[in-house]
Amino acid sequence: GEARGEPFDGKVAVAEVIRERMRRRYASDGTAAGTVLRAYQFSCFNTDDPNRLHMAKLNDSDPIVQECTKAWLESLNSKLTNGAVLYLNRAAVFRVPNWAKPENWLCKIGHHDFYAD
């Protein structure tokens, strides 16, 4: 959901953040579901996200789901984000969070900037 409009590398990068959060238990219980469903961590799962209901109807035959699955598997061995645990699409926010400091910035991939904590 977070990377649905991203190029493939952007999808891999978001998957890397999820995996890094799982590994470090950073806003995570160590599982993929417990990481992405944690309140207000991944906006596509927030109750006010208009795409949430659309995403709930997707299945494995959808080409975007297939590409995201491929990106998830690719993220097992990729190193695009330098261990980022935070990311931000500046065009999609009303205000920049206080953690999005220049000294924490690691890289930009697609529409997202990636950050250390």
Protein backbone atom coordinates (compact mmCIF):
# COMPACT_ATOMS: atom_id res chain seq x y z
CA GLY A 1 0.00 0.00 0.00
CA GLU A 2 2.73 2.47 0.89
CA ALA A 3 4.63 1.82 -2.32
CA ARG A 4 1.82 1.09 -4.75
CA GLY A 5 2.76 4.06 -6.96
CA GLU A 6 6.51 3.52 -6.77
CA PRO A 7 8.89 1.99 -9.29
CA PHE A 8 10.13 -1.50 -8.43
CA ASP A 9 13.16 -0.18 -6.50
CA GLY A 10 10.81 1.96 -4.43
CA LYS A 11 8.76 -1.09 -3.53
CA VAL A 12 11.92 -2.97 -2.56
CA ALA A 13 13.05 0.00 -0.44
CA VAL A 14 9.77 0.11 1.52
CA ALA A 15 10.04 -3.65 2.03
CA GLU A 16 13.57 -3.14 3.38
CA VAL A 17 12.22 -0.68 5.96
CA ILE A 18 9.59 -3.20 7.06
CA ARG A 19 12.24 -5.91 7.38
CA GLU A 20 14.62 -3.60 9.26
CA ARG A 21 11.86 -2.65 11.68
CA MET A 22 11.05 -6.32 12.19
CA ARG A 23 14.71 -7.17 12.80
CA ARG A 24 15.22 -4.33 15.28
CA ARG A 25 11.68 -4.50 16.72
CA TYR A 26 11.47 -0.80 15.94
CA ALA A 27 7.76 0.06 16.30
CA SER A 28 7.26 -3.65 15.64
CA ASP A 29 6.54 -6.92 17.39
CA GLY A 30 8.96 -8.63 15.00
CA THR A 31 6.33 -9.78 12.49
CA ALA A 32 5.39 -8.23 9.15
CA ALA A 33 1.74 -7.85 10.16
CA GLY A 34 2.62 -6.44 13.58
CA THR A 35 4.91 -3.94 11.90
CA VAL A 36 2.69 -2.58 9.15
CA LEU A 37 -0.53 -2.68 11.18
CA ARG A 38 0.90 -0.73 14.11
CA ALA A 39 -1.19 2.42 14.46
CA TYR A 40 -0.06 5.38 12.37
CA GLN A 41 3.14 3.77 11.12
CA PHE A 42 2.06 2.85 7.59
CA SER A 43 -0.61 5.27 6.41
CA CYS A 44 -2.24 2.88 3.96
CA PHE A 45 -3.62 0.98 6.97
CA ASN A 46 -4.98 4.05 8.76
CA THR A 47 -8.76 4.13 8.91
CA ASP A 48 -8.81 7.52 7.18
CA ASP A 49 -6.83 6.37 4.11
CA PRO A 50 -9.24 6.31 1.15
CA ASN A 51 -7.28 3.49 -0.52
CA ARG A 52 -7.58 1.15 2.47
CA LEU A 53 -10.82 -0.46 1.30
CA HIS A 54 -9.52 -0.82 -2.26
CA MET A 55 -6.41 -2.59 -0.97
CA ALA A 56 -8.52 -4.98 1.10
CA LYS A 57 -10.14 -6.24 -2.12
CA LEU A 58 -6.85 -7.04 -3.89
CA ASN A 59 -5.75 -10.64 -4.34
CA ASP A 60 -2.72 -12.52 -5.56
CA SER A 61 -3.83 -12.31 -9.21
CA ASP A 62 -3.51 -8.50 -9.23
CA PRO A 63 -0.35 -7.39 -11.09
CA ILE A 64 0.53 -4.84 -8.40
CA VAL A 65 0.26 -7.51 -5.69
CA GLN A 66 2.50 -9.76 -7.77
CA GLU A 67 5.08 -6.99 -8.18
CA CYS A 68 4.97 -6.18 -4.45
CA THR A 69 5.45 -9.87 -3.62
CA LYS A 70 8.47 -9.93 -5.92
CA ALA A 71 9.80 -6.76 -4.22
CA TRP A 72 9.30 -8.32 -0.78
CA LEU A 73 11.35 -11.34 -1.81
CA GLU A 74 14.02 -9.12 -3.41
CA SER A 75 14.32 -7.17 -0.15
CA LEU A 76 15.68 -10.27 1.58
CA ASN A 77 19.10 -9.52 0.09
CA SER A 78 18.96 -5.92 -1.11
CA LYS A 79 20.71 -2.97 0.55
CA LEU A 80 19.09 0.07 -1.07
CA THR A 81 18.19 2.07 2.06
CA ASN A 82 21.32 1.71 4.22
CA GLY A 83 19.29 0.30 7.13
CA ALA A 84 16.54 2.94 7.16
CA VAL A 85 13.64 2.49 9.57
CA LEU A 86 11.73 5.62 8.54
CA TYR A 87 10.62 7.06 5.24
CA LEU A 88 8.57 9.93 3.99
CA ASN A 89 6.83 10.98 0.82
CA ARG A 90 7.04 14.76 1.24
CA ALA A 91 4.36 15.34 -1.39
CA ALA A 92 1.86 13.31 0.64
CA VAL A 93 2.20 15.00 4.05
CA PHE A 94 0.77 18.21 5.48
CA ARG A 95 3.78 18.80 7.67
CA VAL A 96 7.20 17.20 7.82
CA PRO A 97 7.65 15.06 10.97
CA ASN A 98 10.28 16.13 13.51
CA TRP A 99 12.35 12.99 12.85
CA ALA A 100 12.89 13.97 9.20
CA LYS A 101 16.08 15.87 9.94
CA PRO A 102 18.82 16.39 7.35
CA GLU A 103 21.34 14.59 9.57
CA ASN A 104 19.10 11.47 9.61
CA TRP A 105 18.56 11.40 5.83
CA LEU A 106 20.02 8.34 4.11
CA CYS A 107 18.76 8.32 0.52
CA LYS A 108 15.91 9.04 -1.87
CA ILE A 109 14.31 6.27 -3.91
CA GLY A 110 11.27 6.97 -6.03
CA HIS A 111 9.02 9.41 -4.19
CA HIS A 112 10.32 8.53 -0.72
CA ASP A 113 13.16 9.90 1.38
CA PHE A 114 14.63 7.30 3.76
CA TYR A 115 15.93 8.07 7.25
CA ALA A 116 17.75 6.60 10.22
CA ASP A 117 16.07 6.99 13.60
